[in-house]
C-alpha cells in the first residue's frame, strides 16, 4: 500500500448522516449492477459527519485491490467522501476523517502521508500502461486519471489532510 486516492461520490450533499447507509447502498448498486463490478469500488467511504465505512470487502487492514482509480488500483486504497465537492466546501469532520484513516491505513505499510511515491500505471486516460509516475502519497483521483474528482473544493483540502495525517503518525 503506497498511496491513498481521495474521491467524492458525486451523489449530492443533502443527505443526513443517518441516511449515509442508503447512499452507500445506492453506490454499491451502481457499481455492481450498472457497472458490472464485483463489489463496491472504493475501499472506504466517509460521510459528511466524519463517519468511516468499509467499502470493498476483504478486510480493512489488508491491501484489498479496489476499483477506484483506473490505472492505479494496485498498491493503493480508495477513499470516497459522500457528496459533491466541486463548489461546496467539504465539512471539517470529513477532512479530519480522511487524515485519520489515511494515517492508519498508510501507516500499516510505512507510507508517509506527506511524502511522494512512485506507482506504475496499469493504463488509463492520463498515463499509458507501464509509465512510472511520481504521485503524492495522498492524492486526488484527478492526479491519476483525467477527471474533476474529488471536486475542486475537496482537492484543495488534501494538503490539510496530508499534514494532519503525518501528525497522527507522529511525523
N, C-alpha and C. Protein backbone atom coordinates (compact mmCIF):
# COMPACT_ATOMS: atom_id res chain seq x y z
N UNK A 1 0.85 -1.16 0.00
CA UNK A 1 0.00 0.00 0.00
C UNK A 1 0.90 1.23 0.00
N UNK A 2 0.98 1.90 -1.13
CA UNK A 2 1.87 3.04 -1.27
C UNK A 2 1.14 4.38 -1.31
N UNK A 3 -0.16 4.36 -1.62
CA UNK A 3 -0.88 5.63 -1.81
C UNK A 3 -2.35 5.48 -1.46
N UNK A 4 -2.96 6.62 -1.17
CA UNK A 4 -4.40 6.70 -0.98
C UNK A 4 -4.93 7.72 -1.98
N UNK A 5 -5.95 7.34 -2.73
CA UNK A 5 -6.61 8.25 -3.66
C UNK A 5 -7.93 8.69 -3.05
N UNK A 6 -8.13 10.00 -3.00
CA UNK A 6 -9.34 10.58 -2.42
C UNK A 6 -10.31 10.93 -3.55
N UNK A 7 -11.56 10.59 -3.33
CA UNK A 7 -12.64 10.79 -4.30
C UNK A 7 -13.80 11.50 -3.62
N UNK A 8 -14.72 12.01 -4.42
CA UNK A 8 -16.04 12.35 -3.90
C UNK A 8 -17.02 11.45 -4.65
N UNK A 9 -18.11 11.13 -4.03
CA UNK A 9 -19.05 10.18 -4.66
C UNK A 9 -19.91 10.84 -5.72
N UNK A 10 -19.92 12.18 -5.77
CA UNK A 10 -20.76 12.94 -6.72
C UNK A 10 -22.22 12.54 -6.59
N UNK A 11 -22.63 12.25 -5.36
CA UNK A 11 -24.00 11.76 -5.11
C UNK A 11 -24.88 12.79 -4.41
N UNK A 12 -24.41 13.99 -4.26
CA UNK A 12 -25.21 15.02 -3.61
C UNK A 12 -24.85 15.20 -2.14
N UNK A 13 -25.15 16.39 -1.63
CA UNK A 13 -24.77 16.75 -0.27
C UNK A 13 -25.95 16.89 0.69
N UNK A 14 -27.15 16.71 0.22
CA UNK A 14 -28.33 16.97 1.05
C UNK A 14 -28.83 15.77 1.84
N UNK A 15 -27.96 14.84 2.14
CA UNK A 15 -28.34 13.69 2.96
C UNK A 15 -28.06 14.00 4.43
N UNK A 16 -28.80 13.38 5.31
CA UNK A 16 -28.46 13.41 6.74
C UNK A 16 -27.50 12.26 7.00
N UNK A 17 -26.67 12.38 7.98
CA UNK A 17 -25.71 11.30 8.26
C UNK A 17 -26.41 10.00 8.59
N UNK A 18 -27.61 10.07 9.14
CA UNK A 18 -28.38 8.86 9.40
C UNK A 18 -28.81 8.18 8.09
N UNK A 19 -28.71 8.89 6.96
CA UNK A 19 -29.07 8.34 5.66
C UNK A 19 -27.85 7.83 4.88
N UNK A 20 -26.67 7.92 5.46
CA UNK A 20 -25.46 7.52 4.75
C UNK A 20 -25.52 6.07 4.28
N UNK A 21 -26.12 5.20 5.08
CA UNK A 21 -26.24 3.79 4.68
C UNK A 21 -27.00 3.63 3.37
N UNK A 22 -28.06 4.40 3.18
CA UNK A 22 -28.82 4.29 1.93
C UNK A 22 -28.02 4.88 0.76
N UNK A 23 -27.23 5.92 1.00
CA UNK A 23 -26.37 6.47 -0.04
C UNK A 23 -25.34 5.42 -0.45
N UNK A 24 -24.74 4.76 0.54
CA UNK A 24 -23.76 3.71 0.25
C UNK A 24 -24.38 2.56 -0.53
N UNK A 25 -25.60 2.16 -0.17
CA UNK A 25 -26.27 1.08 -0.90
C UNK A 25 -26.54 1.48 -2.35
N UNK A 26 -26.88 2.74 -2.58
CA UNK A 26 -27.13 3.17 -3.96
C UNK A 26 -25.83 3.16 -4.78
N UNK A 27 -24.73 3.54 -4.16
CA UNK A 27 -23.43 3.49 -4.85
C UNK A 27 -23.06 2.05 -5.13
N UNK A 28 -23.27 1.18 -4.16
CA UNK A 28 -22.99 -0.25 -4.34
C UNK A 28 -23.80 -0.79 -5.52
N UNK A 29 -25.09 -0.49 -5.56
CA UNK A 29 -25.93 -0.96 -6.67
C UNK A 29 -25.41 -0.45 -8.01
N UNK A 30 -25.00 0.80 -8.06
CA UNK A 30 -24.46 1.36 -9.29
C UNK A 30 -23.18 0.63 -9.69
N UNK A 31 -22.28 0.43 -8.76
CA UNK A 31 -21.02 -0.24 -9.08
C UNK A 31 -21.23 -1.68 -9.51
N UNK A 32 -22.09 -2.40 -8.81
CA UNK A 32 -22.27 -3.83 -9.08
C UNK A 32 -23.27 -4.09 -10.22
N UNK A 33 -24.43 -3.50 -10.13
CA UNK A 33 -25.47 -3.78 -11.13
C UNK A 33 -25.23 -3.03 -12.44
N UNK A 34 -24.96 -1.74 -12.37
CA UNK A 34 -24.81 -0.93 -13.59
C UNK A 34 -23.42 -1.06 -14.22
N UNK A 35 -22.38 -1.05 -13.38
CA UNK A 35 -21.01 -1.08 -13.91
C UNK A 35 -20.47 -2.50 -14.08
N UNK A 36 -21.12 -3.47 -13.46
CA UNK A 36 -20.67 -4.86 -13.60
C UNK A 36 -19.47 -5.24 -12.77
N UNK A 37 -19.15 -4.41 -11.77
CA UNK A 37 -18.04 -4.75 -10.88
C UNK A 37 -18.50 -5.79 -9.88
N UNK A 38 -17.57 -6.45 -9.23
CA UNK A 38 -17.93 -7.48 -8.25
C UNK A 38 -18.26 -6.93 -6.87
N UNK A 39 -17.94 -5.67 -6.63
CA UNK A 39 -18.13 -5.10 -5.29
C UNK A 39 -18.09 -3.58 -5.40
N UNK A 40 -18.27 -2.96 -4.27
CA UNK A 40 -18.13 -1.51 -4.11
C UNK A 40 -16.73 -1.14 -4.60
N UNK A 41 -16.59 -0.09 -5.37
CA UNK A 41 -15.29 0.24 -5.95
C UNK A 41 -14.28 0.80 -4.98
N UNK A 42 -14.73 1.62 -4.03
CA UNK A 42 -13.83 2.26 -3.08
C UNK A 42 -13.55 1.34 -1.91
N UNK A 43 -12.35 1.43 -1.35
CA UNK A 43 -12.02 0.64 -0.17
C UNK A 43 -12.73 1.18 1.07
N UNK A 44 -12.92 2.50 1.10
CA UNK A 44 -13.56 3.16 2.25
C UNK A 44 -14.46 4.28 1.76
N UNK A 45 -15.43 4.62 2.59
CA UNK A 45 -16.27 5.80 2.35
C UNK A 45 -16.34 6.58 3.66
N UNK A 46 -16.52 7.87 3.52
CA UNK A 46 -16.63 8.78 4.67
C UNK A 46 -17.84 9.66 4.43
N UNK A 47 -18.69 9.79 5.45
CA UNK A 47 -19.83 10.70 5.29
C UNK A 47 -19.45 12.09 5.78
N UNK A 48 -20.35 13.05 5.59
CA UNK A 48 -20.04 14.43 5.93
C UNK A 48 -19.89 14.67 7.42
N UNK A 49 -20.31 13.72 8.25
CA UNK A 49 -20.12 13.83 9.70
C UNK A 49 -18.80 13.22 10.16
N UNK A 50 -18.04 12.65 9.22
CA UNK A 50 -16.75 12.07 9.54
C UNK A 50 -16.79 10.59 9.91
N UNK A 51 -17.94 9.95 9.74
CA UNK A 51 -18.04 8.51 9.97
C UNK A 51 -17.36 7.77 8.83
N UNK A 52 -16.59 6.75 9.17
CA UNK A 52 -15.82 5.97 8.19
C UNK A 52 -16.50 4.62 8.02
N UNK A 53 -16.64 4.20 6.75
CA UNK A 53 -17.29 2.93 6.42
C UNK A 53 -16.35 2.07 5.60
N UNK A 54 -16.38 0.77 5.86
CA UNK A 54 -15.65 -0.15 5.00
C UNK A 54 -16.39 -0.23 3.68
N UNK A 55 -15.66 -0.16 2.60
CA UNK A 55 -16.25 -0.28 1.27
C UNK A 55 -16.05 -1.68 0.75
N UNK A 56 -15.10 -1.84 -0.12
CA UNK A 56 -14.80 -3.12 -0.75
C UNK A 56 -14.47 -4.16 0.31
N UNK A 57 -15.06 -5.33 0.16
CA UNK A 57 -14.87 -6.41 1.13
C UNK A 57 -13.46 -6.98 1.05
N UNK A 58 -13.04 -7.58 2.15
CA UNK A 58 -11.76 -8.27 2.16
C UNK A 58 -10.92 -7.98 3.39
N UNK A 59 -11.31 -6.99 4.16
CA UNK A 59 -10.57 -6.67 5.38
C UNK A 59 -9.92 -5.31 5.30
N UNK A 60 -10.26 -4.45 6.23
CA UNK A 60 -9.76 -3.07 6.19
C UNK A 60 -8.25 -2.97 6.38
N UNK A 61 -7.65 -3.92 7.08
CA UNK A 61 -6.21 -3.86 7.32
C UNK A 61 -5.41 -4.54 6.21
N UNK A 62 -6.09 -5.14 5.26
CA UNK A 62 -5.41 -5.84 4.17
C UNK A 62 -5.32 -4.96 2.93
N UNK A 63 -4.35 -5.24 2.04
CA UNK A 63 -4.21 -4.45 0.82
C UNK A 63 -5.18 -4.93 -0.27
N UNK A 64 -6.47 -4.68 -0.05
CA UNK A 64 -7.51 -5.14 -0.96
C UNK A 64 -7.49 -4.30 -2.24
N UNK A 65 -7.48 -4.95 -3.38
CA UNK A 65 -7.48 -4.28 -4.67
C UNK A 65 -8.85 -3.66 -4.93
N UNK A 66 -8.90 -2.34 -5.06
CA UNK A 66 -10.15 -1.64 -5.32
C UNK A 66 -10.36 -1.42 -6.81
N UNK A 67 -11.43 -0.71 -7.11
CA UNK A 67 -11.75 -0.31 -8.49
C UNK A 67 -12.08 1.17 -8.46
N UNK A 68 -11.09 1.99 -8.12
CA UNK A 68 -11.35 3.40 -7.84
C UNK A 68 -10.57 4.37 -8.71
N UNK A 69 -9.37 4.04 -9.12
CA UNK A 69 -8.55 4.96 -9.90
C UNK A 69 -7.92 4.17 -11.04
N UNK A 70 -8.64 4.08 -12.14
CA UNK A 70 -8.19 3.26 -13.27
C UNK A 70 -6.73 3.54 -13.58
N UNK A 71 -5.94 2.47 -13.60
CA UNK A 71 -4.51 2.58 -13.83
C UNK A 71 -3.68 2.55 -12.56
N UNK A 72 -4.31 2.87 -11.42
CA UNK A 72 -3.57 2.93 -10.17
C UNK A 72 -4.30 2.25 -9.02
N UNK A 73 -5.07 1.22 -9.30
CA UNK A 73 -5.77 0.50 -8.24
C UNK A 73 -4.81 -0.37 -7.43
N UNK A 74 -3.76 -0.88 -8.08
CA UNK A 74 -2.78 -1.71 -7.38
C UNK A 74 -1.96 -0.83 -6.44
N UNK A 75 -1.62 -1.35 -5.30
CA UNK A 75 -0.77 -0.67 -4.32
C UNK A 75 -1.36 0.64 -3.80
N UNK A 76 -2.69 0.75 -3.85
CA UNK A 76 -3.33 1.96 -3.35
C UNK A 76 -4.66 1.61 -2.70
N UNK A 77 -5.19 2.58 -1.97
CA UNK A 77 -6.51 2.44 -1.38
C UNK A 77 -7.35 3.62 -1.85
N UNK A 78 -8.64 3.39 -2.01
CA UNK A 78 -9.55 4.45 -2.45
C UNK A 78 -10.47 4.89 -1.33
N UNK A 79 -10.51 6.18 -1.08
CA UNK A 79 -11.35 6.76 -0.03
C UNK A 79 -12.33 7.74 -0.68
N UNK A 80 -13.62 7.46 -0.59
CA UNK A 80 -14.63 8.33 -1.18
C UNK A 80 -15.38 9.08 -0.10
N UNK A 81 -15.44 10.40 -0.24
CA UNK A 81 -16.26 11.21 0.65
C UNK A 81 -17.63 11.35 -0.01
N UNK A 82 -18.68 10.97 0.72
CA UNK A 82 -20.03 11.04 0.17
C UNK A 82 -20.42 12.49 -0.05
N UNK A 83 -20.80 12.79 -1.27
CA UNK A 83 -21.21 14.14 -1.63
C UNK A 83 -20.50 14.62 -2.88
N UNK A 84 -20.78 15.87 -3.21
CA UNK A 84 -20.18 16.51 -4.38
C UNK A 84 -19.47 17.77 -3.90
N UNK A 85 -18.17 17.86 -4.21
CA UNK A 85 -17.37 18.95 -3.67
C UNK A 85 -16.68 19.77 -4.76
N UNK A 86 -17.41 20.00 -5.84
CA UNK A 86 -16.91 20.87 -6.91
C UNK A 86 -16.97 22.32 -6.46
N UNK A 87 -18.11 22.71 -5.86
CA UNK A 87 -18.26 24.09 -5.37
C UNK A 87 -18.54 24.14 -3.88
N UNK A 88 -19.07 23.05 -3.32
CA UNK A 88 -19.36 23.00 -1.88
C UNK A 88 -18.10 22.71 -1.09
N UNK A 89 -17.93 23.38 0.02
CA UNK A 89 -16.79 23.15 0.91
C UNK A 89 -17.01 21.84 1.67
N UNK A 90 -16.02 20.95 1.66
CA UNK A 90 -16.18 19.71 2.42
C UNK A 90 -16.18 20.01 3.92
N UNK A 91 -17.02 19.31 4.67
CA UNK A 91 -17.05 19.52 6.12
C UNK A 91 -15.71 19.17 6.77
N UNK A 92 -15.37 19.93 7.78
CA UNK A 92 -14.11 19.69 8.51
C UNK A 92 -14.06 18.25 9.04
N UNK A 93 -15.20 17.73 9.51
CA UNK A 93 -15.24 16.36 10.04
C UNK A 93 -14.83 15.35 8.98
N UNK A 94 -15.21 15.58 7.73
CA UNK A 94 -14.84 14.65 6.65
C UNK A 94 -13.35 14.73 6.35
N UNK A 95 -12.79 15.93 6.34
CA UNK A 95 -11.36 16.10 6.07
C UNK A 95 -10.54 15.48 7.20
N UNK A 96 -10.99 15.66 8.43
CA UNK A 96 -10.31 15.04 9.58
C UNK A 96 -10.37 13.52 9.47
N UNK A 97 -11.50 12.99 9.06
CA UNK A 97 -11.64 11.54 8.91
C UNK A 97 -10.71 11.01 7.81
N UNK A 98 -10.57 11.76 6.71
CA UNK A 98 -9.62 11.35 5.66
C UNK A 98 -8.23 11.24 6.26
N UNK A 99 -7.83 12.25 7.02
CA UNK A 99 -6.49 12.27 7.63
C UNK A 99 -6.29 11.11 8.60
N UNK A 100 -7.26 10.87 9.45
CA UNK A 100 -7.14 9.78 10.43
C UNK A 100 -7.08 8.42 9.75
N UNK A 101 -7.97 8.22 8.78
CA UNK A 101 -8.00 6.94 8.06
C UNK A 101 -6.71 6.74 7.27
N UNK A 102 -6.29 7.76 6.55
CA UNK A 102 -5.06 7.64 5.75
C UNK A 102 -3.84 7.40 6.64
N UNK A 103 -3.78 8.09 7.78
CA UNK A 103 -2.65 7.88 8.69
C UNK A 103 -2.58 6.43 9.14
N UNK A 104 -3.72 5.88 9.50
CA UNK A 104 -3.76 4.49 9.96
C UNK A 104 -3.43 3.52 8.82
N UNK A 105 -4.17 3.63 7.72
CA UNK A 105 -4.02 2.67 6.62
C UNK A 105 -2.62 2.74 6.02
N UNK A 106 -2.14 3.93 5.73
CA UNK A 106 -0.81 4.07 5.16
C UNK A 106 0.27 3.70 6.17
N UNK A 107 0.00 3.96 7.45
CA UNK A 107 0.95 3.60 8.50
C UNK A 107 1.16 2.11 8.62
N UNK A 108 0.15 1.32 8.29
CA UNK A 108 0.30 -0.14 8.30
C UNK A 108 1.40 -0.60 7.35
N UNK A 109 1.68 0.23 6.34
CA UNK A 109 2.63 -0.12 5.30
C UNK A 109 3.84 0.81 5.27
N UNK A 110 4.00 1.64 6.32
CA UNK A 110 5.16 2.50 6.44
C UNK A 110 5.18 3.71 5.52
N UNK A 111 4.04 4.05 4.94
CA UNK A 111 4.00 5.18 4.00
C UNK A 111 3.80 6.51 4.74
N UNK A 112 4.57 7.51 4.35
CA UNK A 112 4.50 8.85 4.93
C UNK A 112 3.42 9.65 4.18
N UNK A 113 2.32 10.01 4.84
CA UNK A 113 1.23 10.71 4.17
C UNK A 113 1.62 12.05 3.56
N UNK A 114 2.71 12.65 4.03
CA UNK A 114 3.13 13.94 3.48
C UNK A 114 4.15 13.78 2.37
N UNK A 115 4.49 12.55 2.04
CA UNK A 115 5.53 12.31 1.04
C UNK A 115 5.00 12.01 -0.35
N UNK A 116 5.91 11.54 -1.18
CA UNK A 116 5.56 11.11 -2.53
C UNK A 116 5.96 9.64 -2.69
N UNK A 117 5.42 9.04 -3.72
CA UNK A 117 5.72 7.65 -4.03
C UNK A 117 5.71 7.47 -5.53
N UNK A 118 6.24 6.36 -5.98
CA UNK A 118 6.21 6.05 -7.41
C UNK A 118 5.29 4.86 -7.62
N UNK A 119 4.36 5.02 -8.53
CA UNK A 119 3.46 3.93 -8.92
C UNK A 119 3.59 3.72 -10.42
N UNK A 120 3.40 2.49 -10.83
CA UNK A 120 3.40 2.19 -12.26
C UNK A 120 1.97 2.12 -12.75
N UNK A 121 1.68 2.86 -13.80
CA UNK A 121 0.33 2.90 -14.34
C UNK A 121 -0.05 1.56 -14.98
N UNK A 122 -1.25 1.13 -14.67
CA UNK A 122 -1.81 -0.05 -15.32
C UNK A 122 -2.53 0.33 -16.61
N UNK A 123 -2.48 1.62 -16.96
CA UNK A 123 -3.12 2.12 -18.17
C UNK A 123 -4.40 2.86 -17.84
N UNK A 124 -4.57 4.00 -18.40
CA UNK A 124 -5.76 4.82 -18.17
C UNK A 124 -5.77 5.97 -19.15
N UNK A 125 -6.56 6.98 -18.88
CA UNK A 125 -6.69 8.09 -19.83
C UNK A 125 -5.68 9.22 -19.58
N UNK A 126 -4.83 9.07 -18.56
CA UNK A 126 -3.84 10.11 -18.25
C UNK A 126 -2.41 9.59 -18.44
N UNK A 127 -2.19 8.33 -18.09
CA UNK A 127 -0.86 7.73 -18.21
C UNK A 127 -0.97 6.38 -18.92
N UNK A 128 -0.05 6.17 -19.86
CA UNK A 128 -0.02 4.90 -20.58
C UNK A 128 0.40 3.77 -19.64
N UNK A 129 -0.03 2.57 -19.98
CA UNK A 129 0.34 1.38 -19.22
C UNK A 129 1.87 1.28 -19.16
N UNK A 130 2.37 1.01 -17.96
CA UNK A 130 3.80 0.84 -17.75
C UNK A 130 4.54 2.12 -17.39
N UNK A 131 3.89 3.27 -17.48
CA UNK A 131 4.53 4.54 -17.13
C UNK A 131 4.72 4.63 -15.62
N UNK A 132 5.94 4.93 -15.20
CA UNK A 132 6.21 5.16 -13.78
C UNK A 132 5.87 6.61 -13.46
N UNK A 133 5.03 6.80 -12.46
CA UNK A 133 4.52 8.12 -12.14
C UNK A 133 4.81 8.45 -10.68
N UNK A 134 5.35 9.64 -10.43
CA UNK A 134 5.58 10.12 -9.07
C UNK A 134 4.31 10.84 -8.63
N UNK A 135 3.71 10.37 -7.55
CA UNK A 135 2.47 10.93 -7.01
C UNK A 135 2.62 11.19 -5.52
N UNK A 136 1.81 12.08 -5.01
CA UNK A 136 1.76 12.28 -3.56
C UNK A 136 1.16 11.02 -2.94
N UNK A 137 1.59 10.68 -1.75
CA UNK A 137 1.07 9.50 -1.06
C UNK A 137 -0.44 9.64 -0.83
N UNK A 138 -0.90 10.83 -0.51
CA UNK A 138 -2.34 11.11 -0.50
C UNK A 138 -2.61 11.99 -1.71
N UNK A 139 -3.27 11.42 -2.70
CA UNK A 139 -3.55 12.11 -3.95
C UNK A 139 -5.05 12.20 -4.18
N UNK A 140 -5.43 13.08 -5.06
CA UNK A 140 -6.80 13.13 -5.52
C UNK A 140 -6.96 12.21 -6.72
N UNK A 141 -8.15 11.75 -6.97
CA UNK A 141 -8.44 10.90 -8.11
C UNK A 141 -7.87 11.53 -9.39
N UNK A 142 -8.01 12.85 -9.53
CA UNK A 142 -7.56 13.56 -10.73
C UNK A 142 -6.06 13.47 -10.96
N UNK A 143 -5.30 13.13 -9.93
CA UNK A 143 -3.85 13.02 -10.10
C UNK A 143 -3.46 11.78 -10.90
N UNK A 144 -4.32 10.77 -10.89
CA UNK A 144 -4.02 9.54 -11.63
C UNK A 144 -4.92 9.29 -12.81
N UNK A 145 -5.96 10.10 -12.97
CA UNK A 145 -6.96 9.88 -14.01
C UNK A 145 -7.56 11.23 -14.39
N UNK A 146 -7.76 11.47 -15.65
CA UNK A 146 -8.31 12.76 -16.10
C UNK A 146 -9.79 12.85 -15.72
N UNK A 147 -10.06 13.53 -14.61
CA UNK A 147 -11.40 13.70 -14.08
C UNK A 147 -11.40 14.95 -13.19
N UNK A 148 -12.57 15.44 -12.85
CA UNK A 148 -12.68 16.55 -11.91
C UNK A 148 -12.66 16.06 -10.46
N UNK A 149 -12.82 14.77 -10.27
CA UNK A 149 -12.88 14.16 -8.94
C UNK A 149 -11.56 14.37 -8.20
N UNK A 150 -11.57 14.74 -6.96
CA UNK A 150 -12.64 14.76 -5.97
C UNK A 150 -13.37 16.09 -5.84
N UNK A 151 -13.39 16.86 -6.89
CA UNK A 151 -14.01 18.18 -6.83
C UNK A 151 -12.99 19.21 -6.38
N UNK A 152 -13.12 20.40 -6.91
CA UNK A 152 -12.15 21.48 -6.64
C UNK A 152 -12.00 21.78 -5.15
N UNK A 153 -13.11 21.82 -4.43
CA UNK A 153 -13.06 22.20 -3.01
C UNK A 153 -12.43 21.12 -2.14
N UNK A 154 -12.75 19.85 -2.40
CA UNK A 154 -12.13 18.77 -1.62
C UNK A 154 -10.67 18.63 -1.99
N UNK A 155 -10.35 18.76 -3.27
CA UNK A 155 -8.96 18.68 -3.70
C UNK A 155 -8.11 19.73 -2.98
N UNK A 156 -8.67 20.91 -2.79
CA UNK A 156 -7.96 22.00 -2.11
C UNK A 156 -7.68 21.69 -0.64
N UNK A 157 -8.39 20.73 -0.06
CA UNK A 157 -8.20 20.36 1.35
C UNK A 157 -7.23 19.19 1.54
N UNK A 158 -6.71 18.64 0.45
CA UNK A 158 -5.82 17.48 0.59
C UNK A 158 -4.52 17.83 1.29
N UNK A 159 -4.03 19.04 1.14
CA UNK A 159 -2.82 19.46 1.86
C UNK A 159 -3.04 19.40 3.36
N UNK A 160 -4.21 19.84 3.81
CA UNK A 160 -4.57 19.76 5.23
C UNK A 160 -4.62 18.31 5.68
N UNK A 161 -5.23 17.46 4.86
CA UNK A 161 -5.32 16.03 5.20
C UNK A 161 -3.92 15.41 5.29
N UNK A 162 -3.05 15.77 4.36
CA UNK A 162 -1.68 15.22 4.36
C UNK A 162 -0.94 15.61 5.64
N UNK A 163 -0.95 16.89 5.96
CA UNK A 163 -0.19 17.34 7.14
C UNK A 163 -0.79 16.78 8.42
N UNK A 164 -2.11 16.72 8.50
CA UNK A 164 -2.75 16.14 9.69
C UNK A 164 -2.43 14.65 9.81
N UNK A 165 -2.50 13.95 8.70
CA UNK A 165 -2.20 12.50 8.73
C UNK A 165 -0.77 12.26 9.17
N UNK A 166 0.15 13.07 8.70
CA UNK A 166 1.55 12.92 9.11
C UNK A 166 1.69 13.16 10.61
N UNK A 167 0.97 14.17 11.14
CA UNK A 167 1.00 14.42 12.59
C UNK A 167 0.43 13.23 13.35
N UNK A 168 -0.67 12.67 12.86
CA UNK A 168 -1.27 11.49 13.52
C UNK A 168 -0.28 10.33 13.56
N UNK A 169 0.56 10.25 12.56
CA UNK A 169 1.58 9.19 12.55
C UNK A 169 2.82 9.56 13.38
N UNK A 170 2.84 10.78 13.90
CA UNK A 170 3.98 11.22 14.70
C UNK A 170 5.15 11.71 13.87
N UNK A 171 4.89 12.13 12.66
CA UNK A 171 5.97 12.61 11.77
C UNK A 171 6.12 14.10 11.89
